[in-house]
Amino acid sequence: MGLKPVRVQVPPRPPFRLTFTPLKENFLLAGGACLKVEVETLSPTRKKLRIELPREKLNEKLETVYRELKREVSVPGFRKGKVPRDILFLRFESHIKNTVISDILSSELENIFKERGIIPLSQPEMKTKLSDLPLRGDQPWVVEVEVEVKPDIQLPPYDQIRIKRWRPDVPREEVDRYIESLREGRAEYIPIEEERPARKGDFVKVDLKVSVPERGIFEAEEKDLIFQIGQDHLPKEVEEKVIGMNPGETRKVEATFPQDHPEPELAGQNASFEITLKEILDRKLPDLDDEFAKEMNFESLEQMRSTIWNRMVEEAKAQITAQLYNEVTRQIVEKTDLTVPESVIEKRLSEIIREIRTGRVGTADDREKLRNPDQAEDYINQLRQQLIFEIKKAWIFEEIARRENLTVSDEEAEQVLRLEALRRNIDPERYISQIKDANRFEGVKDNILTNKVCDFLIKNATEESYAIV
């Protein structure tokens, strides 16, 4: 079975947007002092900043820290507020240096990042030893910090993406099958008069008990279940056991749920079935005419058929669009040379695993895979690969939107929500308010922007074959 969808969140976007500037430059600190900065690229996702802190600014900060320490700190042999500067500096040297560096850089690093086009993904890490920074003298401090960064994104030419588009094909036979299923949903089931055992092809009414004793995970009972023998409504072994049964008879059978069972907890599981045959039935379908159409809230059979056909065509178009979106997304991610920092991956992967284990996301089957030592390693690797793909997709789509000036206004998002509300037959303005109150409005805008990027990629891709969708 494939990986179950698990909601993956990319790292939060920094609160500022950045643009590229030259590698070496001077910056003015508050008060006019000059701050010299050099940037070295250690890897596509890591940079070193060499920052020269001018002595003028240092002395200012040192004096401030000294006054605060003098006022707050008690030292044996001295009255509070009367401790000499040299003694305070000797006893609290590391604290003083850390405070000075933090005070200066905390206000300046964001400006440096903005000016240099650097998007940090982690807190800057101090590499300079405090012992190398003299408290006295005229020399500036040279501080080196390293930081994980979002790499520069070099997008491939859009026409390298190759797609195929085709017409939605909904043959009349498919429409007829759908209408037939509507008739079956309105069918009457009448007990047969003949006294005989059940045969293959019969419609039967049964009471059913199911249990999965090996894992003790499932017990269920369903009464008056109607199905046709031989149509794989139940596991094959169970339906075969019903053949030859007489009304009122009960049989037990062991069977295995199919691997593609819609309930993951039951897929492939051995189960015990107890089935009691209550009645053998004849099925009577309603006539396919205008009266039936009116029962289904249509004006006539012809109008029902055309309306259903149009709906099925629209659904087919939506499926084609979804496939194209998935395809252009896959290709743009594969064709973009982009590295995600390992620290970002590991941090978010740990969060996802914790969320699955606590039941916030995923299914019981996902939690079982994490518990099972035979499955955990492969499953975590699948989560890891999915996470990397989602982070790359988010960064690439953000870059495309920036370059191509693709945006979504509040008004545009509200109009989309109004249309959705009308389709769901609910009040549009109330629906918009609910979305905003639940802090989901920005997510709506992000989804619309994602679709815009996909539409842009489709428009600029190379079409291997073309048909109007």
Protein backbone atom coordinates (compact mmCIF):
# COMPACT_ATOMS: atom_id res chain seq x y z
CA MET A 1 0.00 0.00 0.00
CA GLY A 2 1.13 3.55 -0.69
CA LEU A 3 1.93 6.15 1.88
CA LYS A 4 -1.18 7.49 3.57
CA PRO A 5 -1.61 11.24 3.19
CA VAL A 6 -0.28 13.03 6.25
CA ARG A 7 -0.58 16.76 6.54
CA VAL A 8 2.88 18.22 6.22
CA GLN A 9 3.71 21.79 7.18
CA VAL A 10 6.74 23.61 5.86
CA PRO A 11 8.85 25.79 8.18
CA PRO A 12 7.26 29.16 8.92
CA ARG A 13 8.11 32.01 6.59
CA PRO A 14 10.38 34.66 8.17
CA PRO A 15 8.60 37.92 8.97
CA PHE A 16 10.57 39.89 6.42
CA ARG A 17 11.14 39.69 2.67
CA LEU A 18 14.66 39.85 1.31
CA THR A 19 16.54 40.95 -1.82
CA PHE A 20 20.09 40.26 -2.92
CA THR A 21 22.91 42.81 -2.42
CA PRO A 22 26.72 42.61 -2.88
CA LEU A 23 28.83 40.44 -0.64
CA LYS A 24 30.70 43.16 1.27
CA GLU A 25 29.27 46.45 2.50
CA ASN A 26 29.18 48.90 5.41
CA PHE A 27 26.05 49.65 7.43
CA LEU A 28 25.20 52.56 9.67
CA LEU A 29 24.20 51.68 13.20
CA ALA A 30 21.82 53.82 15.20
CA GLY A 31 23.83 56.86 16.21
CA GLY A 32 25.93 56.85 13.03
CA ALA A 33 28.62 54.27 13.87
CA CYS A 34 29.83 52.14 10.97
CA LEU A 35 29.20 48.39 11.02
CA LYS A 36 31.34 46.37 8.61
CA VAL A 37 29.98 43.04 7.43
CA GLU A 38 31.41 40.26 5.26
CA VAL A 39 29.42 37.21 4.20
CA GLU A 40 30.93 33.87 3.28
CA THR A 41 28.89 31.10 1.68
CA LEU A 42 29.81 27.83 3.39
CA SER A 43 27.24 25.79 1.48
CA PRO A 44 24.01 26.49 -0.44
CA THR A 45 22.19 26.41 2.90
CA ARG A 46 24.72 27.86 5.35
CA LYS A 47 26.45 31.24 5.57
CA LYS A 48 29.08 32.78 7.82
CA LEU A 49 28.82 36.44 8.74
CA ARG A 50 31.96 38.31 9.88
CA ILE A 51 30.72 41.43 11.66
CA GLU A 52 33.00 44.17 12.92
CA LEU A 53 31.55 45.99 15.93
CA PRO A 54 33.09 49.49 16.20
CA ARG A 55 34.76 50.43 19.46
CA GLU A 56 32.67 53.58 19.72
CA LYS A 57 29.48 51.49 19.84
CA LEU A 58 31.10 48.92 22.12
CA ASN A 59 32.14 51.51 24.68
CA GLU A 60 28.62 52.92 24.66
CA LYS A 61 27.14 49.49 25.39
CA LEU A 62 29.85 48.61 27.91
CA GLU A 63 29.08 51.75 29.87
CA THR A 64 25.37 50.93 29.88
CA VAL A 65 26.00 47.36 31.07
CA TYR A 66 28.42 48.61 33.73
CA ARG A 67 25.85 51.03 35.14
CA GLU A 68 23.19 48.30 35.26
CA LEU A 69 25.54 45.84 37.00
CA LYS A 70 26.75 48.47 39.43
CA ARG A 71 23.17 49.21 40.40
CA GLU A 72 21.98 45.60 40.72
CA VAL A 73 24.96 43.43 41.79
CA SER A 74 26.32 42.92 45.30
CA VAL A 75 30.01 41.98 45.76
CA PRO A 76 31.47 41.08 49.20
CA GLY A 77 33.58 43.92 50.57
CA PHE A 78 31.78 46.65 48.65
CA ARG A 79 28.57 48.54 49.18
CA LYS A 80 25.89 48.04 46.56
CA GLY A 81 26.43 50.57 43.78
CA LYS A 82 30.05 51.17 44.76
CA VAL A 83 31.76 48.17 43.11
CA PRO A 84 34.69 49.38 40.92
CA ARG A 85 34.43 48.90 37.16
CA ASP A 86 37.53 46.65 36.97
CA ILE A 87 36.14 44.23 39.56
CA LEU A 88 32.76 44.04 37.85
CA PHE A 89 34.39 43.45 34.47
CA LEU A 90 36.65 40.75 35.95
CA ARG A 91 33.85 38.89 37.74
CA PHE A 92 31.18 39.18 35.05
CA GLU A 93 33.27 39.24 31.89
CA SER A 94 31.32 36.58 29.97
CA HIS A 95 27.97 38.07 30.95
CA ILE A 96 29.08 41.53 29.89
CA LYS A 97 30.38 40.39 26.51
CA ASN A 98 27.29 38.30 25.77
CA THR A 99 25.01 41.19 26.71
CA VAL A 100 26.88 43.69 24.54
CA ILE A 101 26.94 41.38 21.51
CA SER A 102 23.28 40.44 21.94
CA ASP A 103 22.18 44.07 22.33
CA ILE A 104 23.96 45.19 19.18
CA LEU A 105 23.30 42.20 16.92
CA SER A 106 19.69 41.60 17.93
CA SER A 107 18.74 44.96 16.46
CA GLU A 108 21.10 44.81 13.47
CA LEU A 109 20.99 41.22 12.19
CA GLU A 110 17.55 41.60 10.66
CA ASN A 111 18.77 44.63 8.72
CA ILE A 112 21.87 42.73 7.61
CA PHE A 113 19.74 39.81 6.42
CA LYS A 114 17.43 42.15 4.54
CA GLU A 115 20.26 43.97 2.84
CA ARG A 116 22.06 40.76 1.89
CA GLY A 117 19.04 38.87 0.62
CA ILE A 118 19.47 36.21 3.31
CA ILE A 119 16.45 34.28 4.62
CA PRO A 120 17.50 32.66 7.92
CA LEU A 121 16.06 29.27 8.80
CA SER A 122 17.65 29.01 12.24
CA GLN A 123 18.97 31.19 15.03
CA PRO A 124 22.47 32.55 14.27
CA GLU A 125 25.18 30.52 15.98
CA MET A 126 28.09 32.40 17.58
CA LYS A 127 31.47 31.01 16.49
CA THR A 128 33.83 33.59 18.03
CA LYS A 129 35.28 32.77 21.45
CA LEU A 130 34.43 35.39 24.06
CA SER A 131 38.03 35.23 25.31
CA ASP A 132 39.16 36.65 21.94
CA LEU A 133 37.19 39.86 22.49
CA PRO A 134 39.08 42.45 24.62
CA LEU A 135 37.05 44.58 27.00
CA ARG A 136 39.61 47.38 26.95
CA GLY A 137 41.51 49.07 24.19
CA ASP A 138 40.72 50.82 20.95
CA GLN A 139 40.26 47.80 18.69
CA PRO A 140 36.81 46.77 17.41
CA TRP A 141 35.35 43.35 18.06
CA VAL A 142 35.16 40.98 15.11
CA VAL A 143 32.32 38.52 15.63
CA GLU A 144 31.66 35.51 13.45
CA VAL A 145 28.22 33.89 13.36
CA GLU A 146 26.87 31.06 11.21
CA VAL A 147 23.27 30.56 10.19
CA GLU A 148 21.20 28.07 8.21
CA VAL A 149 19.63 29.88 5.27
CA LYS A 150 17.10 29.33 2.57
CA PRO A 151 19.12 28.61 -0.56
CA ASP A 152 18.97 30.69 -3.72
CA ILE A 153 16.49 29.10 -6.12
CA GLN A 154 17.53 28.74 -9.75
CA LEU A 155 14.36 27.85 -11.61
CA PRO A 156 14.58 25.85 -14.84
CA PRO A 157 13.05 27.25 -18.03
CA TYR A 158 9.32 26.72 -17.78
CA ASP A 159 9.15 25.14 -21.22
CA GLN A 160 11.20 22.21 -19.92
CA ILE A 161 7.98 21.03 -18.30
CA ARG A 162 6.20 18.73 -20.71
CA ILE A 163 2.50 17.98 -20.43
CA LYS A 164 -0.33 16.31 -22.29
CA ARG A 165 -3.85 17.70 -22.22
CA TRP A 166 -6.92 15.89 -23.45
CA ARG A 167 -10.66 16.27 -23.71
CA PRO A 168 -12.82 14.94 -20.88
CA ASP A 169 -14.48 11.85 -22.35
CA VAL A 170 -17.78 10.89 -20.71
CA PRO A 171 -19.54 8.38 -22.99
CA ARG A 172 -23.30 7.97 -22.87
CA GLU A 173 -22.84 4.46 -21.47
CA GLU A 174 -21.19 5.91 -18.37
CA VAL A 175 -24.11 8.28 -17.87
CA ASP A 176 -26.51 5.36 -18.29
CA ARG A 177 -24.63 3.38 -15.65
CA TYR A 178 -24.90 6.27 -13.23
CA ILE A 179 -28.63 6.66 -13.84
CA GLU A 180 -29.02 2.91 -13.38
CA SER A 181 -27.34 3.20 -9.99
CA LEU A 182 -29.95 5.83 -9.08
CA ARG A 183 -32.68 3.39 -10.03
CA GLU A 184 -31.06 0.70 -7.91
CA GLY A 185 -31.01 3.10 -4.99
CA ARG A 186 -34.82 3.44 -5.31
CA ALA A 187 -35.46 -0.29 -5.80
CA GLU A 188 -38.05 -2.29 -3.85
CA TYR A 189 -37.05 -5.67 -2.42
CA ILE A 190 -39.85 -8.22 -2.09
CA PRO A 191 -39.45 -11.66 -0.43
CA ILE A 192 -39.85 -14.51 -2.93
CA GLU A 193 -42.78 -16.87 -2.46
CA GLU A 194 -40.86 -20.00 -3.47
CA GLU A 195 -39.31 -22.01 -0.65
CA ARG A 196 -35.77 -22.80 -1.74
CA PRO A 197 -32.12 -22.26 -0.71
CA ALA A 198 -30.16 -19.19 -1.82
CA ARG A 199 -28.45 -19.24 -5.24
CA LYS A 200 -25.68 -17.22 -6.82
CA GLY A 201 -27.17 -14.00 -8.17
CA ASP A 202 -29.96 -13.86 -5.56
CA PHE A 203 -30.63 -10.75 -3.53
CA VAL A 204 -30.66 -11.67 0.15
CA LYS A 205 -31.33 -10.01 3.49
CA VAL A 206 -29.01 -11.13 6.30
CA ASP A 207 -27.89 -10.35 9.83
CA LEU A 208 -24.09 -10.22 10.03
CA LYS A 209 -21.62 -10.34 12.92
CA VAL A 210 -17.91 -9.73 12.30
CA SER A 211 -14.91 -9.94 14.62
CA VAL A 212 -11.14 -9.78 14.21
CA PRO A 213 -10.02 -11.89 17.19
CA GLU A 214 -6.27 -11.84 16.52
CA ARG A 215 -5.94 -8.12 17.18
CA GLY A 216 -9.16 -7.48 19.02
CA ILE A 217 -9.53 -4.27 17.07
CA PHE A 218 -12.94 -4.69 15.52
CA GLU A 219 -16.32 -6.13 16.34
CA ALA A 220 -19.46 -5.17 14.47
CA GLU A 221 -23.00 -6.30 13.91
CA GLU A 222 -25.28 -5.26 11.06
CA LYS A 223 -28.91 -6.23 10.75
CA ASP A 224 -31.07 -6.43 7.60
CA LEU A 225 -28.10 -6.08 5.26
CA ILE A 226 -29.18 -6.53 1.63
CA PHE A 227 -26.72 -7.59 -1.08
CA GLN A 228 -26.55 -9.67 -4.24
CA ILE A 229 -24.62 -12.93 -3.98
CA GLY A 230 -21.60 -12.98 -6.28
CA GLN A 231 -21.08 -9.19 -6.54
CA ASP A 232 -18.24 -9.10 -3.97
CA HIS A 233 -20.13 -6.97 -1.49
CA LEU A 234 -18.64 -9.20 1.23
CA PRO A 235 -15.45 -11.29 1.15
CA LYS A 236 -15.73 -14.07 -1.42
CA GLU A 237 -15.65 -16.84 1.21
CA VAL A 238 -18.63 -15.31 3.02
CA GLU A 239 -20.79 -14.90 -0.07
CA GLU A 240 -20.02 -18.46 -1.17
CA LYS A 241 -21.12 -19.69 2.26
CA VAL A 242 -24.54 -18.10 1.79
CA ILE A 243 -25.18 -20.22 -1.33
CA GLY A 244 -27.34 -23.19 -0.28
CA MET A 245 -28.59 -21.56 2.93
CA ASN A 246 -32.31 -21.50 3.74
CA PRO A 247 -34.05 -18.56 5.44
CA GLY A 248 -33.54 -18.75 9.22
CA GLU A 249 -30.26 -20.66 8.89
CA THR A 250 -26.99 -19.41 10.47
CA ARG A 251 -23.47 -20.25 9.36
CA LYS A 252 -19.97 -19.26 10.46
CA VAL A 253 -16.98 -18.76 8.20
CA GLU A 254 -13.40 -17.52 8.40
CA ALA A 255 -12.37 -15.01 5.72
CA THR A 256 -9.74 -12.38 4.96
CA PHE A 257 -10.50 -8.76 4.21
CA PRO A 258 -8.99 -7.58 0.90
CA GLN A 259 -5.79 -5.51 1.01
CA ASP A 260 -7.59 -2.56 -0.57
CA HIS A 261 -10.36 -2.51 2.05
CA PRO A 262 -11.44 1.12 2.72
CA GLU A 263 -10.82 0.67 6.46
CA PRO A 264 -7.01 0.45 6.85
CA GLU A 265 -7.35 -1.32 10.21
CA LEU A 266 -9.18 -4.20 8.47
CA ALA A 267 -7.17 -4.45 5.25
CA GLY A 268 -5.67 -7.93 4.95
CA GLN A 269 -6.97 -9.02 8.37
CA ASN A 270 -8.37 -12.49 9.10
CA ALA A 271 -11.89 -12.26 10.47
CA SER A 272 -14.70 -14.45 11.79
CA PHE A 273 -18.14 -13.99 10.23
CA GLU A 274 -21.47 -15.21 11.55
CA ILE A 275 -24.22 -14.79 8.97
CA THR A 276 -27.94 -15.46 9.34
CA LEU A 277 -30.09 -15.60 6.20
CA LYS A 278 -33.42 -13.88 6.83
CA GLU A 279 -34.98 -13.62 3.36
CA ILE A 280 -34.36 -14.27 -0.32
CA LEU A 281 -35.60 -11.28 -2.31
CA ASP A 282 -36.75 -10.17 -5.72
CA ARG A 283 -35.66 -6.68 -6.73
CA LYS A 284 -38.13 -4.37 -8.45
CA LEU A 285 -36.60 -1.32 -10.14
CA PRO A 286 -38.67 1.82 -10.79
CA ASP A 287 -39.52 2.54 -14.42
CA LEU A 288 -37.07 4.87 -16.14
CA ASP A 289 -39.47 7.65 -17.11
CA ASP A 290 -40.40 11.25 -16.35
CA GLU A 291 -42.04 10.25 -13.07
CA PHE A 292 -38.80 8.73 -11.85
CA ALA A 293 -36.91 11.89 -12.92
CA LYS A 294 -39.35 14.05 -10.95
CA GLU A 295 -38.78 11.88 -7.87
CA MET A 296 -35.09 12.71 -8.30
CA ASN A 297 -35.91 16.46 -8.42
CA PHE A 298 -35.60 16.89 -12.19
CA GLU A 299 -38.27 18.19 -14.54
CA SER A 300 -38.10 15.30 -17.00
CA LEU A 301 -36.03 12.27 -17.94
CA GLU A 302 -34.39 14.20 -20.76
CA GLN A 303 -33.48 17.08 -18.45
CA MET A 304 -32.16 14.64 -15.84
CA ARG A 305 -29.94 12.91 -18.38
CA SER A 306 -28.50 16.17 -19.79
CA THR A 307 -27.92 17.66 -16.33
CA ILE A 308 -26.16 14.55 -15.07
CA TRP A 309 -24.08 14.37 -18.24
CA ASN A 310 -22.96 18.00 -17.84
CA ARG A 311 -22.07 17.40 -14.20
CA MET A 312 -20.01 14.35 -15.11
CA VAL A 313 -18.16 16.33 -17.79
CA GLU A 314 -17.35 19.06 -15.27
CA GLU A 315 -16.11 16.43 -12.80
CA ALA A 316 -13.94 14.92 -15.54
CA LYS A 317 -12.50 18.37 -16.30
CA ALA A 318 -11.71 18.86 -12.63
CA GLN A 319 -9.96 15.49 -12.53
CA ILE A 320 -7.89 16.38 -15.59
CA THR A 321 -6.94 19.74 -14.04
CA ALA A 322 -5.94 18.01 -10.78
CA GLN A 323 -3.77 15.56 -12.73
CA LEU A 324 -2.11 18.43 -14.61
CA TYR A 325 -1.50 20.29 -11.34
CA ASN A 326 0.16 17.21 -9.85
CA GLU A 327 2.25 16.65 -12.97
CA VAL A 328 3.61 20.21 -13.32
CA THR A 329 4.32 20.27 -9.58
CA ARG A 330 6.26 17.01 -9.77
CA GLN A 331 8.28 18.16 -12.76
CA ILE A 332 9.17 21.64 -11.47
CA VAL A 333 10.33 20.14 -8.16
CA GLU A 334 12.40 17.46 -9.91
CA LYS A 335 13.96 19.93 -12.35
CA THR A 336 14.93 22.52 -9.70
CA ASP A 337 18.30 21.93 -8.04
CA LEU A 338 17.43 22.76 -4.45
CA THR A 339 18.80 21.61 -1.10
CA VAL A 340 16.79 21.65 2.12
CA PRO A 341 18.94 22.03 5.26
CA GLU A 342 19.14 18.84 7.26
CA SER A 343 18.31 20.68 10.49
CA VAL A 344 15.03 21.93 8.98
CA ILE A 345 14.10 18.42 7.83
CA GLU A 346 14.90 16.75 11.13
CA LYS A 347 13.08 19.34 13.22
CA ARG A 348 9.85 19.15 11.21
CA LEU A 349 10.07 15.37 10.80
CA SER A 350 10.26 14.96 14.58
CA GLU A 351 7.18 17.17 14.93
CA ILE A 352 5.24 15.12 12.36
CA ILE A 353 6.15 11.82 14.03
CA ARG A 354 5.05 13.21 17.40
CA GLU A 355 1.77 14.45 15.90
CA ILE A 356 1.07 11.02 14.37
CA ARG A 357 1.86 9.20 17.64
CA THR A 358 -0.45 11.48 19.61
CA GLY A 359 -3.26 11.12 17.05
CA ARG A 360 -3.32 14.77 15.93
CA VAL A 361 -2.73 13.68 12.33
CA GLY A 362 -2.72 10.41 10.40
CA THR A 363 -4.67 7.20 10.95
CA ALA A 364 -4.51 4.22 13.28
CA ASP A 365 -2.64 2.43 10.49
CA ASP A 366 0.01 5.19 10.48
CA ARG A 367 0.45 4.87 14.25
CA GLU A 368 0.76 1.11 13.95
CA LYS A 369 3.54 1.51 11.37
CA LEU A 370 5.49 3.69 13.80
CA ARG A 371 5.04 1.11 16.57
CA ASN A 372 5.98 -1.87 14.41
CA PRO A 373 9.79 -2.30 14.30
CA ASP A 374 9.49 -4.06 10.94
CA GLN A 375 7.72 -1.08 9.37
CA ALA A 376 8.88 2.00 11.28
CA GLU A 377 12.15 2.64 9.42
CA ASP A 378 10.59 2.44 5.94
CA TYR A 379 7.59 4.49 7.00
CA ILE A 380 9.70 7.25 8.55
CA ASN A 381 11.80 7.36 5.40
CA GLN A 382 8.60 7.78 3.37
CA LEU A 383 7.53 10.63 5.65
CA ARG A 384 10.95 12.19 5.22
CA GLN A 385 10.82 12.08 1.42
CA GLN A 386 7.28 13.49 1.40
CA LEU A 387 8.36 16.29 3.74
CA ILE A 388 11.35 17.23 1.57
CA PHE A 389 9.09 17.34 -1.49
CA GLU A 390 6.54 19.58 0.27
CA ILE A 391 9.20 22.01 1.52
CA LYS A 392 10.77 22.25 -1.94
CA LYS A 393 7.35 22.77 -3.51
CA ALA A 394 6.51 25.58 -1.08
CA TRP A 395 9.82 27.39 -1.69
CA ILE A 396 9.67 26.96 -5.47
CA PHE A 397 6.05 28.12 -5.71
CA GLU A 398 6.84 31.13 -3.53
CA GLU A 399 9.73 32.04 -5.84
CA ILE A 400 7.62 31.65 -8.99
CA ALA A 401 4.86 33.81 -7.48
CA ARG A 402 7.43 36.48 -6.59
CA ARG A 403 9.11 36.49 -10.01
CA GLU A 404 5.89 36.42 -12.00
CA ASN A 405 4.02 38.84 -9.72
CA LEU A 406 1.27 36.35 -8.93
CA THR A 407 -0.83 37.53 -6.00
CA VAL A 408 -4.21 36.94 -4.36
CA SER A 409 -6.18 39.85 -2.92
CA ASP A 410 -8.61 39.58 -0.02
CA GLU A 411 -11.44 40.46 -2.40
CA GLU A 412 -10.48 37.65 -4.76
CA ALA A 413 -10.40 35.11 -1.93
CA GLU A 414 -13.75 36.32 -0.61
CA GLN A 415 -15.32 35.89 -4.06
CA VAL A 416 -14.07 32.29 -4.20
CA LEU A 417 -15.61 31.65 -0.78
CA ARG A 418 -18.91 33.21 -1.88
CA LEU A 419 -19.15 30.84 -4.84
CA GLU A 420 -18.31 27.88 -2.61
CA ALA A 421 -20.99 28.95 -0.13
CA LEU A 422 -23.61 29.20 -2.88
CA ARG A 423 -22.74 25.69 -4.10
CA ARG A 424 -23.20 24.45 -0.54
CA ASN A 425 -26.44 26.43 -0.14
CA ILE A 426 -25.24 28.44 2.87
CA ASP A 427 -25.10 32.17 3.54
CA PRO A 428 -21.95 33.54 1.79
CA GLU A 429 -21.16 36.40 4.19
CA ARG A 430 -21.63 34.21 7.23
CA TYR A 431 -19.40 31.56 5.66
CA ILE A 432 -16.65 34.14 5.01
CA SER A 433 -16.89 35.34 8.61
CA GLN A 434 -16.60 31.77 9.91
CA ILE A 435 -13.48 31.17 7.80
CA LYS A 436 -11.87 34.37 9.09
CA ASP A 437 -12.87 33.73 12.71
CA ALA A 438 -11.23 30.29 12.47
CA ASN A 439 -8.00 31.90 11.17
CA ARG A 440 -8.30 29.96 7.91
CA PHE A 441 -8.52 32.92 5.52
CA GLU A 442 -4.77 33.07 4.81
CA GLY A 443 -4.85 29.35 4.07
CA VAL A 444 -7.59 29.97 1.50
CA LYS A 445 -5.44 32.64 -0.14
CA ASP A 446 -2.44 30.28 -0.16
CA ASN A 447 -4.49 27.59 -1.90
CA ILE A 448 -5.68 30.04 -4.54
CA LEU A 449 -2.10 31.22 -5.10
CA THR A 450 -0.93 27.61 -5.45
CA ASN A 451 -3.56 27.07 -8.17
CA LYS A 452 -2.44 30.26 -9.90
CA VAL A 453 1.17 29.04 -9.97
CA CYS A 454 0.04 25.69 -11.39
CA ASP A 455 -2.05 27.45 -14.05
CA PHE A 456 0.98 29.60 -14.93
CA LEU A 457 3.20 26.52 -15.26
CA ILE A 458 0.62 24.75 -17.44
CA LYS A 459 0.30 27.82 -19.67
CA ASN A 460 4.08 28.03 -20.16
CA ALA A 461 4.80 24.29 -20.40
CA THR A 462 5.56 22.45 -23.64
CA GLU A 463 2.53 20.50 -24.78
CA GLU A 464 3.29 17.12 -26.29
CA SER A 465 -0.26 16.88 -27.56
CA TYR A 466 -3.12 19.29 -27.19
CA ALA A 467 -6.87 19.27 -27.00
CA ILE A 468 -9.08 21.98 -25.53
CA VAL A 469 -10.10 21.04 -21.99
